[in-house]
Amino acid sequence: MFVDITGMLTMLVAGLGVFGAYKEKKWPLIAFFLVMTAVVVVFLWAGISLVPFSSQVKDRLQVYFRSITPLDKASSEITTVANKFQYLLHCCGVYNGYQDWGGKIPLTCHCSAAYQNTPKCRTVSISYEGFWVRRAEDSELQVYSEPCAPIILKYLDKVFAVFTGAIFCVVAVAAIGMIMSMTLCCRIRKRSIELGSASSSDSRKSEVPLYIEAFPLTHVNVPQEY
């Protein structure tokens, strides 16, 4: 619904500018200029405000991520969400990798066959009691080496970067519209002044005295002396 309304308003504003340019009318161009000015101000403010807002969101997420560890002691809702992220992003843990799970390493941390023996995975030793140790006699397991929190924050940076780029693209287009509408207004004003001066000069030329119209000048023959 919001996208439809935005599209209709955009088409209406663009049509207003095209109408003013085609008919050489100043008021549609002035209205178009004012709308583009408002768009530039609003979107520029939004783009500038998005930078500190993104930093605040990232800081709060980092505090939250650190508060949910260790994951083996977290609630079932948190562990369910963590498993979903681990499955989708091919990561394990929050910041400390598999160690965030203590001795209860879920299957979503296990490397798939496509990633085994690659830098995406790391080999760790686990005792049969379920506690992580580094002894050769214990069973070895390949788990994802990257923690999930930095990956999520990277994706969040990309999202904010896309939004910021889109906002400043709109600002650039609106600024171009402002310049074009103002240029057309100046040209229309200049043309109206030229036409006004031309019509006034033509009227002055047509205001010929009546006596000249009644008695036009003729060629006078001067008699020659013999």
Protein backbone atom coordinates (compact mmCIF):
# COMPACT_ATOMS: atom_id res chain seq x y z
CA MET A 1 0.00 0.00 0.00
CA PHE A 2 2.76 2.42 0.95
CA VAL A 3 4.69 1.58 -2.24
CA ASP A 4 1.58 2.20 -4.37
CA ILE A 5 0.93 5.58 -2.76
CA THR A 6 4.59 6.57 -3.15
CA GLY A 7 4.54 5.58 -6.83
CA MET A 8 1.35 7.55 -7.48
CA LEU A 9 2.76 10.65 -5.78
CA THR A 10 6.00 10.33 -7.76
CA MET A 11 4.11 10.07 -11.05
CA LEU A 12 1.93 13.04 -10.07
CA VAL A 13 4.91 15.24 -9.24
CA ALA A 14 6.76 14.19 -12.39
CA GLY A 15 3.65 14.87 -14.47
CA LEU A 16 3.41 18.32 -12.91
CA GLY A 17 6.97 19.12 -13.95
CA VAL A 18 6.44 17.78 -17.49
CA PHE A 19 3.22 19.79 -17.83
CA GLY A 20 4.94 22.97 -16.76
CA ALA A 21 7.85 22.41 -19.13
CA TYR A 22 5.59 21.56 -22.09
CA LYS A 23 3.13 24.41 -21.57
CA GLU A 24 5.87 26.81 -20.49
CA LYS A 25 3.95 27.68 -17.35
CA LYS A 26 5.78 28.89 -14.30
CA TRP A 27 3.42 27.79 -11.54
CA PRO A 28 3.72 24.02 -12.16
CA LEU A 29 7.49 24.35 -12.31
CA ILE A 30 7.54 26.36 -9.08
CA ALA A 31 5.36 23.72 -7.41
CA PHE A 32 7.68 21.00 -8.73
CA PHE A 33 10.69 22.92 -7.40
CA LEU A 34 9.12 23.23 -3.94
CA VAL A 35 8.28 19.54 -3.82
CA MET A 36 11.81 18.58 -4.88
CA THR A 37 13.22 20.94 -2.24
CA ALA A 38 11.12 19.23 0.42
CA VAL A 39 12.28 15.82 -0.81
CA VAL A 40 15.93 16.89 -0.64
CA VAL A 41 15.57 18.25 2.88
CA VAL A 42 13.66 15.24 4.24
CA PHE A 43 15.82 12.55 2.63
CA LEU A 44 19.05 14.37 3.43
CA TRP A 45 18.00 14.55 7.06
CA ALA A 46 17.08 10.84 6.97
CA GLY A 47 20.44 9.91 5.44
CA ILE A 48 22.40 11.91 8.00
CA SER A 49 20.33 10.49 10.87
CA LEU A 50 20.77 6.93 9.64
CA VAL A 51 24.51 6.91 10.43
CA PRO A 52 24.25 7.36 14.23
CA PHE A 53 21.10 5.21 14.28
CA SER A 54 22.96 2.29 12.69
CA SER A 55 25.75 2.64 15.25
CA GLN A 56 23.23 2.57 18.10
CA VAL A 57 21.53 -0.53 16.68
CA LYS A 58 24.87 -2.33 16.34
CA ASP A 59 25.93 -1.40 19.88
CA ARG A 60 22.66 -2.69 21.35
CA LEU A 61 22.91 -5.89 19.36
CA GLN A 62 26.44 -6.48 20.59
CA VAL A 63 25.32 -6.01 24.20
CA TYR A 64 22.43 -8.42 23.62
CA PHE A 65 24.62 -11.02 21.94
CA ARG A 66 27.02 -11.03 24.87
CA SER A 67 24.17 -11.31 27.36
CA ILE A 68 22.82 -14.58 25.92
CA THR A 69 26.04 -16.56 26.37
CA PRO A 70 26.76 -19.23 27.31
CA LEU A 71 24.19 -20.73 24.96
CA ASP A 72 23.95 -24.03 26.78
CA LYS A 73 22.38 -22.13 29.69
CA ALA A 74 20.13 -19.90 27.57
CA SER A 75 16.38 -20.32 27.16
CA SER A 76 14.88 -22.59 24.54
CA GLU A 77 13.67 -19.61 22.50
CA ILE A 78 17.20 -18.21 22.26
CA THR A 79 18.76 -21.55 21.39
CA THR A 80 16.11 -22.11 18.70
CA VAL A 81 16.91 -18.76 17.07
CA ALA A 82 20.66 -19.42 17.42
CA ASN A 83 20.30 -22.78 15.69
CA LYS A 84 18.41 -21.17 12.82
CA PHE A 85 21.15 -18.58 12.31
CA GLN A 86 23.84 -21.25 12.51
CA TYR A 87 22.06 -23.33 9.88
CA LEU A 88 21.51 -20.40 7.52
CA LEU A 89 24.85 -18.61 7.95
CA HIS A 90 27.10 -21.66 8.44
CA CYS A 91 28.47 -20.38 11.72
CA CYS A 92 28.70 -21.56 15.29
CA GLY A 93 28.26 -19.76 18.58
CA VAL A 94 28.00 -16.04 19.18
CA TYR A 95 31.49 -14.61 19.64
CA ASN A 96 33.57 -17.53 20.93
CA GLY A 97 32.54 -20.12 18.38
CA TYR A 98 31.75 -23.63 19.57
CA GLN A 99 32.91 -22.75 23.09
CA ASP A 100 29.72 -20.71 23.58
CA TRP A 101 27.82 -24.02 23.66
CA GLY A 102 29.92 -25.59 26.39
CA GLY A 103 29.65 -29.35 25.99
CA LYS A 104 26.28 -29.33 24.23
CA ILE A 105 27.28 -28.69 20.64
CA PRO A 106 24.21 -28.79 18.38
CA LEU A 107 24.15 -30.41 14.97
CA THR A 108 23.84 -26.98 13.31
CA CYS A 109 27.44 -26.32 14.32
CA HIS A 110 28.70 -29.41 12.54
CA CYS A 111 30.29 -28.67 9.17
CA SER A 112 28.44 -30.00 6.18
CA ALA A 113 30.26 -32.23 3.71
CA ALA A 114 30.69 -29.33 1.29
CA TYR A 115 32.72 -27.30 3.81
CA GLN A 116 34.74 -29.97 5.57
CA ASN A 117 38.53 -29.63 5.41
CA THR A 118 38.21 -26.00 4.31
CA PRO A 119 38.99 -22.73 6.16
CA LYS A 120 35.26 -22.51 6.84
CA CYS A 121 35.63 -25.30 9.39
CA ARG A 122 37.96 -26.22 12.21
CA THR A 123 38.74 -29.55 13.82
CA VAL A 124 38.22 -29.81 17.56
CA SER A 125 38.42 -32.66 20.04
CA ILE A 126 35.55 -33.63 22.26
CA SER A 127 35.53 -36.09 25.14
CA TYR A 128 32.94 -38.76 25.46
CA GLU A 129 31.64 -37.03 28.56
CA GLY A 130 30.63 -34.08 26.40
CA PHE A 131 33.23 -31.53 27.50
CA TRP A 132 35.56 -29.90 25.01
CA VAL A 133 39.17 -30.86 25.47
CA ARG A 134 42.26 -30.88 23.31
CA ARG A 135 43.50 -34.44 23.65
CA ALA A 136 44.42 -36.59 20.70
CA GLU A 137 42.71 -39.65 22.11
CA ASP A 138 39.33 -37.99 22.18
CA SER A 139 37.03 -38.00 19.16
CA GLU A 140 37.51 -35.22 16.63
CA LEU A 141 34.79 -33.16 15.07
CA GLN A 142 34.70 -30.44 12.43
CA VAL A 143 32.61 -27.41 13.34
CA TYR A 144 32.16 -24.04 11.72
CA SER A 145 35.03 -21.78 12.65
CA GLU A 146 33.24 -18.43 12.34
CA PRO A 147 30.98 -17.17 15.12
CA CYS A 148 27.58 -15.86 14.12
CA ALA A 149 27.53 -12.40 15.70
CA PRO A 150 30.18 -10.79 13.41
CA ILE A 151 28.47 -12.26 10.34
CA ILE A 152 25.09 -10.84 11.42
CA LEU A 153 26.65 -7.44 12.04
CA LYS A 154 28.29 -7.50 8.60
CA TYR A 155 24.94 -8.18 6.96
CA LEU A 156 23.43 -5.37 9.00
CA ASP A 157 26.15 -3.01 7.75
CA LYS A 158 25.29 -3.98 4.17
CA VAL A 159 21.60 -3.32 4.76
CA PHE A 160 22.30 0.13 6.20
CA ALA A 161 24.71 0.85 3.35
CA VAL A 162 22.04 -0.03 0.78
CA PHE A 163 19.48 2.19 2.53
CA THR A 164 21.96 5.06 2.78
CA GLY A 165 22.90 4.75 -0.88
CA ALA A 166 19.25 4.68 -1.93
CA ILE A 167 18.50 7.76 0.16
CA PHE A 168 21.36 9.78 -1.32
CA CYS A 169 20.40 8.63 -4.84
CA VAL A 170 16.93 10.07 -4.25
CA VAL A 171 18.54 13.27 -2.97
CA ALA A 172 20.70 13.51 -6.10
CA VAL A 173 17.73 12.96 -8.43
CA ALA A 174 15.64 15.50 -6.52
CA ALA A 175 18.49 18.04 -6.66
CA ILE A 176 18.73 17.57 -10.43
CA GLY A 177 14.98 18.14 -10.65
CA MET A 178 15.36 21.32 -8.62
CA ILE A 179 18.07 22.64 -10.93
CA MET A 180 16.12 21.77 -14.09
CA SER A 181 12.88 23.32 -12.85
CA MET A 182 14.64 26.51 -11.77
CA THR A 183 16.48 26.70 -15.10
CA LEU A 184 13.20 26.34 -17.01
CA CYS A 185 11.57 29.00 -14.84
CA CYS A 186 14.41 31.41 -15.59
CA ARG A 187 14.17 30.70 -19.33
CA ILE A 188 10.41 31.18 -19.33
CA ARG A 189 10.82 34.48 -17.47
CA LYS A 190 13.54 35.59 -19.88
CA ARG A 191 11.41 34.68 -22.90
CA SER A 192 8.39 36.51 -21.52
CA ILE A 193 10.53 39.63 -20.98
CA GLU A 194 11.89 39.38 -24.53
CA LEU A 195 8.43 38.92 -25.99
CA GLY A 196 7.14 41.82 -23.93
CA SER A 197 9.92 44.12 -25.11
CA ALA A 198 9.43 42.98 -28.70
CA SER A 199 5.69 43.62 -28.60
CA SER A 200 6.19 47.07 -27.02
CA SER A 201 8.71 48.03 -29.71
CA ASP A 202 6.33 46.86 -32.42
CA SER A 203 3.56 48.94 -30.88
CA ARG A 204 5.82 51.98 -30.81
CA LYS A 205 6.63 51.48 -34.47
CA SER A 206 2.95 51.23 -35.34
CA GLU A 207 2.11 54.47 -33.50
CA VAL A 208 2.74 56.68 -36.48
CA PRO A 209 1.39 60.29 -36.39
CA LEU A 210 -1.83 60.84 -38.26
CA TYR A 211 -0.53 63.55 -40.47
CA ILE A 212 2.13 61.31 -41.86
CA GLU A 213 -0.45 58.69 -42.65
CA ALA A 214 -2.72 61.30 -44.29
CA PHE A 215 0.01 63.03 -46.20
CA PRO A 216 2.79 60.64 -46.97
CA LEU A 217 6.07 62.06 -48.16
CA THR A 218 6.51 62.00 -51.94
CA HIS A 219 9.41 62.69 -54.15
CA VAL A 220 9.65 66.45 -55.03
CA ASN A 221 10.88 67.29 -58.49
CA VAL A 222 12.97 70.43 -58.50
CA PRO A 223 12.56 72.40 -61.72
CA GLN A 224 15.74 72.73 -63.68
CA GLU A 225 17.04 76.12 -64.78
CA TYR A 226 17.47 76.67 -68.43
